All heavy atoms as atom14 arrays in JSON, in Angstrom:
{
  "sequence": "KIWNYRDGTCIRTLRVFDNGGVISLHHQRGTLV",
  "atom14_mask": [
    [1, 1, 1, 1, 1, 1, 1, 1, 1, 0, 0, 0, 0, 0],
    [1, 1, 1, 1, 1, 1, 1, 1, 0, 0, 0, 0, 0, 0],
    [1, 1, 1, 1, 1, 1, 1, 1, 1, 1, 1, 1, 1, 1],
    [1, 1, 1, 1, 1, 1, 1, 1, 0, 0, 0, 0, 0, 0],
    [1, 1, 1, 1, 1, 1, 1, 1, 1, 1, 1, 1, 0, 0],
    [1, 1, 1, 1, 1, 1, 1, 1, 1, 1, 1, 0, 0, 0],
    [1, 1, 1, 1, 1, 1, 1, 1, 0, 0, 0, 0, 0, 0],
    [1, 1, 1, 1, 0, 0, 0, 0, 0, 0, 0, 0, 0, 0],
    [1, 1, 1, 1, 1, 1, 1, 0, 0, 0, 0, 0, 0, 0],
    [1, 1, 1, 1, 1, 1, 0, 0, 0, 0, 0, 0, 0, 0],
    [1, 1, 1, 1, 1, 1, 1, 1, 0, 0, 0, 0, 0, 0],
    [1, 1, 1, 1, 1, 1, 1, 1, 1, 1, 1, 0, 0, 0],
    [1, 1, 1, 1, 1, 1, 1, 0, 0, 0, 0, 0, 0, 0],
    [1, 1, 1, 1, 1, 1, 1, 1, 0, 0, 0, 0, 0, 0],
    [1, 1, 1, 1, 1, 1, 1, 1, 1, 1, 1, 0, 0, 0],
    [1, 1, 1, 1, 1, 1, 1, 0, 0, 0, 0, 0, 0, 0],
    [1, 1, 1, 1, 1, 1, 1, 1, 1, 1, 1, 0, 0, 0],
    [1, 1, 1, 1, 1, 1, 1, 1, 0, 0, 0, 0, 0, 0],
    [1, 1, 1, 1, 1, 1, 1, 1, 0, 0, 0, 0, 0, 0],
    [1, 1, 1, 1, 0, 0, 0, 0, 0, 0, 0, 0, 0, 0],
    [1, 1, 1, 1, 0, 0, 0, 0, 0, 0, 0, 0, 0, 0],
    [1, 1, 1, 1, 1, 1, 1, 0, 0, 0, 0, 0, 0, 0],
    [1, 1, 1, 1, 1, 1, 1, 1, 0, 0, 0, 0, 0, 0],
    [1, 1, 1, 1, 1, 1, 0, 0, 0, 0, 0, 0, 0, 0],
    [1, 1, 1, 1, 1, 1, 1, 1, 0, 0, 0, 0, 0, 0],
    [1, 1, 1, 1, 1, 1, 1, 1, 1, 1, 0, 0, 0, 0],
    [1, 1, 1, 1, 1, 1, 1, 1, 1, 1, 0, 0, 0, 0],
    [1, 1, 1, 1, 1, 1, 1, 1, 1, 0, 0, 0, 0, 0],
    [1, 1, 1, 1, 1, 1, 1, 1, 1, 1, 1, 0, 0, 0],
    [1, 1, 1, 1, 0, 0, 0, 0, 0, 0, 0, 0, 0, 0],
    [1, 1, 1, 1, 1, 1, 1, 0, 0, 0, 0, 0, 0, 0],
    [1, 1, 1, 1, 1, 1, 1, 1, 0, 0, 0, 0, 0, 0],
    [1, 1, 1, 1, 1, 1, 1, 0, 0, 0, 0, 0, 0, 0]
  ],
  "atom14_positions": [
    [[65.69, 59.98, 42.47], [66.09, 59.74, 41.11], [66.65, 60.94, 40.44], [66.15, 62.03, 40.65], [64.98, 59.11, 40.32], [64.59, 57.74, 40.73], [63.57, 57.14, 39.77], [63.18, 55.69, 40.17], [64.37, 54.81, 39.89], [0.0, 0.0, 0.0], [0.0, 0.0, 0.0], [0.0, 0.0, 0.0], [0.0, 0.0, 0.0], [0.0, 0.0, 0.0]],
    [[67.78, 60.82, 39.79], [68.39, 61.87, 38.99], [68.06, 61.64, 37.55], [68.41, 60.53, 36.97], [69.94, 61.92, 39.2], [70.2, 62.01, 40.73], [70.58, 63.07, 38.48], [71.69, 61.95, 41.06], [0.0, 0.0, 0.0], [0.0, 0.0, 0.0], [0.0, 0.0, 0.0], [0.0, 0.0, 0.0], [0.0, 0.0, 0.0], [0.0, 0.0, 0.0]],
    [[67.48, 62.58, 36.83], [66.99, 62.43, 35.46], [67.75, 63.4, 34.54], [68.08, 64.5, 34.9], [65.51, 62.7, 35.39], [64.62, 62.03, 36.39], [64.37, 62.28, 37.61], [63.92, 60.81, 36.14], [63.52, 61.38, 38.18], [63.24, 60.48, 37.3], [63.71, 59.97, 34.96], [62.39, 59.36, 37.36], [62.92, 58.89, 35.04], [62.28, 58.55, 36.27]],
    [[67.94, 62.95, 33.34], [68.27, 63.87, 32.23], [66.93, 64.46, 31.77], [66.17, 63.68, 31.09], [69.04, 63.14, 31.12], [69.42, 64.05, 29.96], [68.72, 65.04, 29.72], [70.53, 63.79, 29.37], [0.0, 0.0, 0.0], [0.0, 0.0, 0.0], [0.0, 0.0, 0.0], [0.0, 0.0, 0.0], [0.0, 0.0, 0.0], [0.0, 0.0, 0.0]],
    [[66.63, 65.67, 32.14], [65.32, 66.11, 31.78], [65.15, 66.54, 30.26], [64.02, 66.72, 29.83], [64.93, 67.36, 32.65], [65.55, 68.65, 32.37], [65.13, 69.48, 31.28], [66.55, 69.13, 33.14], [65.75, 70.69, 31.02], [67.18, 70.37, 32.93], [66.73, 71.16, 31.83], [67.29, 72.32, 31.58], [0.0, 0.0, 0.0], [0.0, 0.0, 0.0]],
    [[66.25, 66.49, 29.56], [66.14, 66.7, 28.17], [65.62, 65.61, 27.31], [64.83, 65.74, 26.42], [67.57, 67.13, 27.51], [68.05, 68.45, 28.12], [69.46, 68.71, 27.62], [70.17, 69.77, 28.36], [70.09, 71.04, 28.04], [69.31, 71.4, 27.02], [70.64, 71.99, 28.74], [0.0, 0.0, 0.0], [0.0, 0.0, 0.0], [0.0, 0.0, 0.0]],
    [[65.97, 64.39, 27.73], [65.52, 63.21, 27.03], [64.66, 62.25, 27.88], [64.14, 61.22, 27.49], [66.62, 62.41, 26.33], [67.66, 61.88, 27.4], [67.34, 61.8, 28.6], [68.8, 61.58, 26.95], [0.0, 0.0, 0.0], [0.0, 0.0, 0.0], [0.0, 0.0, 0.0], [0.0, 0.0, 0.0], [0.0, 0.0, 0.0], [0.0, 0.0, 0.0]],
    [[64.56, 62.56, 29.21], [63.67, 61.85, 30.13], [64.28, 60.53, 30.65], [63.58, 59.74, 31.32], [0.0, 0.0, 0.0], [0.0, 0.0, 0.0], [0.0, 0.0, 0.0], [0.0, 0.0, 0.0], [0.0, 0.0, 0.0], [0.0, 0.0, 0.0], [0.0, 0.0, 0.0], [0.0, 0.0, 0.0], [0.0, 0.0, 0.0], [0.0, 0.0, 0.0]],
    [[65.57, 60.33, 30.46], [66.18, 59.1, 30.98], [66.57, 59.27, 32.45], [67.06, 60.3, 32.84], [67.4, 58.66, 30.12], [68.33, 59.77, 30.13], [66.97, 58.4, 28.71], [0.0, 0.0, 0.0], [0.0, 0.0, 0.0], [0.0, 0.0, 0.0], [0.0, 0.0, 0.0], [0.0, 0.0, 0.0], [0.0, 0.0, 0.0], [0.0, 0.0, 0.0]],
    [[66.56, 58.19, 33.21], [67.07, 58.15, 34.61], [68.49, 57.87, 34.66], [68.96, 56.84, 34.13], [66.3, 57.1, 35.36], [66.81, 57.05, 37.2], [0.0, 0.0, 0.0], [0.0, 0.0, 0.0], [0.0, 0.0, 0.0], [0.0, 0.0, 0.0], [0.0, 0.0, 0.0], [0.0, 0.0, 0.0], [0.0, 0.0, 0.0], [0.0, 0.0, 0.0]],
    [[69.31, 58.86, 35.18], [70.73, 58.7, 35.19], [71.1, 57.86, 36.43], [72.06, 56.98, 36.26], [71.37, 59.99, 35.33], [70.99, 60.95, 34.16], [72.94, 59.97, 35.41], [71.41, 62.43, 34.27], [0.0, 0.0, 0.0], [0.0, 0.0, 0.0], [0.0, 0.0, 0.0], [0.0, 0.0, 0.0], [0.0, 0.0, 0.0], [0.0, 0.0, 0.0]],
    [[70.45, 58.04, 37.5], [70.94, 57.33, 38.74], [69.74, 57.33, 39.78], [68.99, 58.22, 39.77], [72.11, 58.1, 39.28], [72.77, 57.31, 40.51], [74.12, 57.97, 40.85], [74.88, 57.1, 41.71], [76.17, 56.9, 41.78], [76.89, 57.51, 40.75], [76.78, 56.18, 42.58], [0.0, 0.0, 0.0], [0.0, 0.0, 0.0], [0.0, 0.0, 0.0]],
    [[69.82, 56.25, 40.61], [68.85, 56.15, 41.66], [69.59, 56.14, 42.98], [70.53, 55.2, 43.12], [67.93, 54.92, 41.55], [67.18, 55.04, 40.35], [66.99, 54.75, 42.75], [0.0, 0.0, 0.0], [0.0, 0.0, 0.0], [0.0, 0.0, 0.0], [0.0, 0.0, 0.0], [0.0, 0.0, 0.0], [0.0, 0.0, 0.0], [0.0, 0.0, 0.0]],
    [[69.38, 57.01, 43.92], [69.9, 57.01, 45.23], [69.02, 56.43, 46.28], [67.89, 56.88, 46.38], [70.35, 58.52, 45.63], [71.2, 59.24, 44.62], [71.36, 60.66, 45.21], [72.55, 58.57, 44.5], [0.0, 0.0, 0.0], [0.0, 0.0, 0.0], [0.0, 0.0, 0.0], [0.0, 0.0, 0.0], [0.0, 0.0, 0.0], [0.0, 0.0, 0.0]],
    [[69.57, 55.47, 46.98], [68.78, 54.91, 48.15], [69.14, 55.83, 49.36], [70.18, 55.65, 49.92], [69.07, 53.44, 48.4], [68.61, 52.84, 49.69], [67.14, 53.04, 49.95], [66.36, 52.12, 48.93], [65.05, 52.13, 48.98], [64.39, 52.81, 49.86], [64.38, 51.44, 48.08], [0.0, 0.0, 0.0], [0.0, 0.0, 0.0], [0.0, 0.0, 0.0]],
    [[68.25, 56.81, 49.66], [68.55, 57.78, 50.63], [68.24, 57.29, 52.09], [69.03, 57.27, 53.03], [67.9, 59.04, 50.33], [68.3, 60.17, 51.36], [68.16, 59.55, 48.92], [0.0, 0.0, 0.0], [0.0, 0.0, 0.0], [0.0, 0.0, 0.0], [0.0, 0.0, 0.0], [0.0, 0.0, 0.0], [0.0, 0.0, 0.0], [0.0, 0.0, 0.0]],
    [[67.0, 56.81, 52.22], [66.59, 56.37, 53.47], [65.97, 54.92, 53.47], [65.25, 54.59, 52.53], [65.41, 57.3, 54.02], [65.83, 58.72, 54.1], [65.08, 59.69, 53.36], [66.75, 59.17, 54.99], [65.47, 61.02, 53.41], [67.15, 60.51, 55.05], [66.44, 61.45, 54.3], [0.0, 0.0, 0.0], [0.0, 0.0, 0.0], [0.0, 0.0, 0.0]],
    [[66.36, 54.11, 54.46], [65.8, 52.76, 54.5], [64.62, 52.71, 55.42], [63.89, 51.72, 55.46], [66.95, 51.84, 55.09], [68.01, 51.64, 54.06], [67.76, 51.57, 52.86], [69.17, 51.55, 54.56], [0.0, 0.0, 0.0], [0.0, 0.0, 0.0], [0.0, 0.0, 0.0], [0.0, 0.0, 0.0], [0.0, 0.0, 0.0], [0.0, 0.0, 0.0]],
    [[64.39, 53.72, 56.25], [63.28, 53.66, 57.28], [62.39, 54.83, 57.2], [61.91, 55.41, 58.1], [63.94, 53.65, 58.65], [64.77, 54.82, 58.98], [65.34, 55.51, 58.0], [65.02, 55.1, 60.25], [0.0, 0.0, 0.0], [0.0, 0.0, 0.0], [0.0, 0.0, 0.0], [0.0, 0.0, 0.0], [0.0, 0.0, 0.0], [0.0, 0.0, 0.0]],
    [[62.04, 55.25, 55.88], [61.13, 56.3, 55.66], [61.29, 56.94, 54.31], [62.26, 56.71, 53.59], [0.0, 0.0, 0.0], [0.0, 0.0, 0.0], [0.0, 0.0, 0.0], [0.0, 0.0, 0.0], [0.0, 0.0, 0.0], [0.0, 0.0, 0.0], [0.0, 0.0, 0.0], [0.0, 0.0, 0.0], [0.0, 0.0, 0.0], [0.0, 0.0, 0.0]],
    [[60.3, 57.76, 53.91], [60.26, 58.3, 52.66], [61.01, 59.69, 52.54], [61.38, 60.23, 53.51], [0.0, 0.0, 0.0], [0.0, 0.0, 0.0], [0.0, 0.0, 0.0], [0.0, 0.0, 0.0], [0.0, 0.0, 0.0], [0.0, 0.0, 0.0], [0.0, 0.0, 0.0], [0.0, 0.0, 0.0], [0.0, 0.0, 0.0], [0.0, 0.0, 0.0]],
    [[61.16, 60.13, 51.29], [61.75, 61.49, 51.03], [60.55, 62.45, 51.06], [59.57, 62.29, 50.39], [62.39, 61.52, 49.69], [62.89, 62.92, 49.27], [63.61, 60.54, 49.76], [0.0, 0.0, 0.0], [0.0, 0.0, 0.0], [0.0, 0.0, 0.0], [0.0, 0.0, 0.0], [0.0, 0.0, 0.0], [0.0, 0.0, 0.0], [0.0, 0.0, 0.0]],
    [[60.75, 63.47, 51.83], [59.65, 64.53, 52.01], [60.08, 65.82, 51.29], [59.16, 66.5, 50.71], [59.33, 64.77, 53.48], [59.02, 63.52, 54.16], [58.34, 65.88, 53.63], [57.74, 62.86, 53.65], [0.0, 0.0, 0.0], [0.0, 0.0, 0.0], [0.0, 0.0, 0.0], [0.0, 0.0, 0.0], [0.0, 0.0, 0.0], [0.0, 0.0, 0.0]],
    [[61.32, 66.12, 51.28], [61.74, 67.41, 50.66], [63.13, 67.25, 50.09], [63.93, 66.39, 50.5], [61.7, 68.53, 51.74], [62.49, 68.19, 52.83], [0.0, 0.0, 0.0], [0.0, 0.0, 0.0], [0.0, 0.0, 0.0], [0.0, 0.0, 0.0], [0.0, 0.0, 0.0], [0.0, 0.0, 0.0], [0.0, 0.0, 0.0], [0.0, 0.0, 0.0]],
    [[63.52, 68.11, 49.17], [64.86, 68.14, 48.62], [65.16, 69.54, 48.03], [64.29, 70.33, 47.61], [65.06, 66.99, 47.63], [64.2, 66.85, 46.42], [64.61, 67.81, 45.27], [64.24, 65.41, 45.98], [0.0, 0.0, 0.0], [0.0, 0.0, 0.0], [0.0, 0.0, 0.0], [0.0, 0.0, 0.0], [0.0, 0.0, 0.0], [0.0, 0.0, 0.0]],
    [[66.4, 69.82, 47.95], [66.9, 71.12, 47.34], [68.29, 70.84, 46.72], [69.14, 70.24, 47.45], [66.89, 72.18, 48.36], [67.19, 73.52, 47.65], [67.97, 74.52, 48.36], [66.87, 74.1, 46.56], [68.04, 75.6, 47.57], [67.38, 75.41, 46.47], [0.0, 0.0, 0.0], [0.0, 0.0, 0.0], [0.0, 0.0, 0.0], [0.0, 0.0, 0.0]],
    [[68.55, 71.22, 45.53], [69.82, 71.22, 44.88], [70.36, 72.52, 44.54], [69.63, 73.29, 44.02], [69.67, 70.3, 43.6], [70.96, 70.19, 42.8], [71.18, 70.96, 41.71], [72.04, 69.46, 42.99], [72.36, 70.73, 41.27], [72.9, 69.75, 41.93], [0.0, 0.0, 0.0], [0.0, 0.0, 0.0], [0.0, 0.0, 0.0], [0.0, 0.0, 0.0]],
    [[71.62, 72.75, 44.83], [72.27, 73.99, 44.5], [73.72, 73.77, 44.27], [74.42, 73.3, 45.25], [71.97, 75.05, 45.53], [72.56, 76.43, 45.3], [72.06, 77.43, 46.26], [70.91, 77.83, 46.28], [72.98, 77.93, 47.19], [0.0, 0.0, 0.0], [0.0, 0.0, 0.0], [0.0, 0.0, 0.0], [0.0, 0.0, 0.0], [0.0, 0.0, 0.0]],
    [[74.25, 74.22, 43.18], [75.66, 74.17, 42.92], [76.34, 72.8, 43.33], [77.41, 72.82, 43.94], [76.39, 75.32, 43.64], [75.99, 76.68, 43.07], [76.91, 77.8, 43.6], [76.76, 77.92, 44.98], [75.88, 78.92, 45.45], [75.03, 79.61, 44.62], [75.67, 78.99, 46.75], [0.0, 0.0, 0.0], [0.0, 0.0, 0.0], [0.0, 0.0, 0.0]],
    [[75.78, 71.72, 42.9], [76.44, 70.4, 43.06], [76.12, 69.81, 44.43], [76.52, 68.65, 44.68], [0.0, 0.0, 0.0], [0.0, 0.0, 0.0], [0.0, 0.0, 0.0], [0.0, 0.0, 0.0], [0.0, 0.0, 0.0], [0.0, 0.0, 0.0], [0.0, 0.0, 0.0], [0.0, 0.0, 0.0], [0.0, 0.0, 0.0], [0.0, 0.0, 0.0]],
    [[75.34, 70.41, 45.25], [74.97, 69.93, 46.55], [73.54, 69.63, 46.57], [72.69, 70.44, 46.27], [75.29, 70.9, 47.77], [76.69, 71.15, 47.79], [74.89, 70.26, 49.08], [0.0, 0.0, 0.0], [0.0, 0.0, 0.0], [0.0, 0.0, 0.0], [0.0, 0.0, 0.0], [0.0, 0.0, 0.0], [0.0, 0.0, 0.0], [0.0, 0.0, 0.0]],
    [[73.17, 68.32, 46.92], [71.71, 67.91, 47.05], [71.48, 67.63, 48.49], [72.16, 66.85, 49.15], [71.56, 66.67, 46.19], [70.19, 65.95, 46.34], [69.13, 66.86, 45.71], [70.17, 64.61, 45.65], [0.0, 0.0, 0.0], [0.0, 0.0, 0.0], [0.0, 0.0, 0.0], [0.0, 0.0, 0.0], [0.0, 0.0, 0.0], [0.0, 0.0, 0.0]],
    [[70.38, 68.23, 49.04], [69.96, 68.04, 50.37], [68.6, 67.38, 50.34], [67.68, 67.84, 49.63], [69.94, 69.35, 51.14], [69.49, 69.09, 52.58], [71.35, 70.02, 51.11], [0.0, 0.0, 0.0], [0.0, 0.0, 0.0], [0.0, 0.0, 0.0], [0.0, 0.0, 0.0], [0.0, 0.0, 0.0], [0.0, 0.0, 0.0], [0.0, 0.0, 0.0]]
  ]
}
């Protein structure tokens, strides 16, 4: 989920994996891994 952390609203939800959970992530300069 991508949030506006200033007001707490959810901007977007990404369905990343259909066969397992998200374990780790890193965002830098417009790239999300």
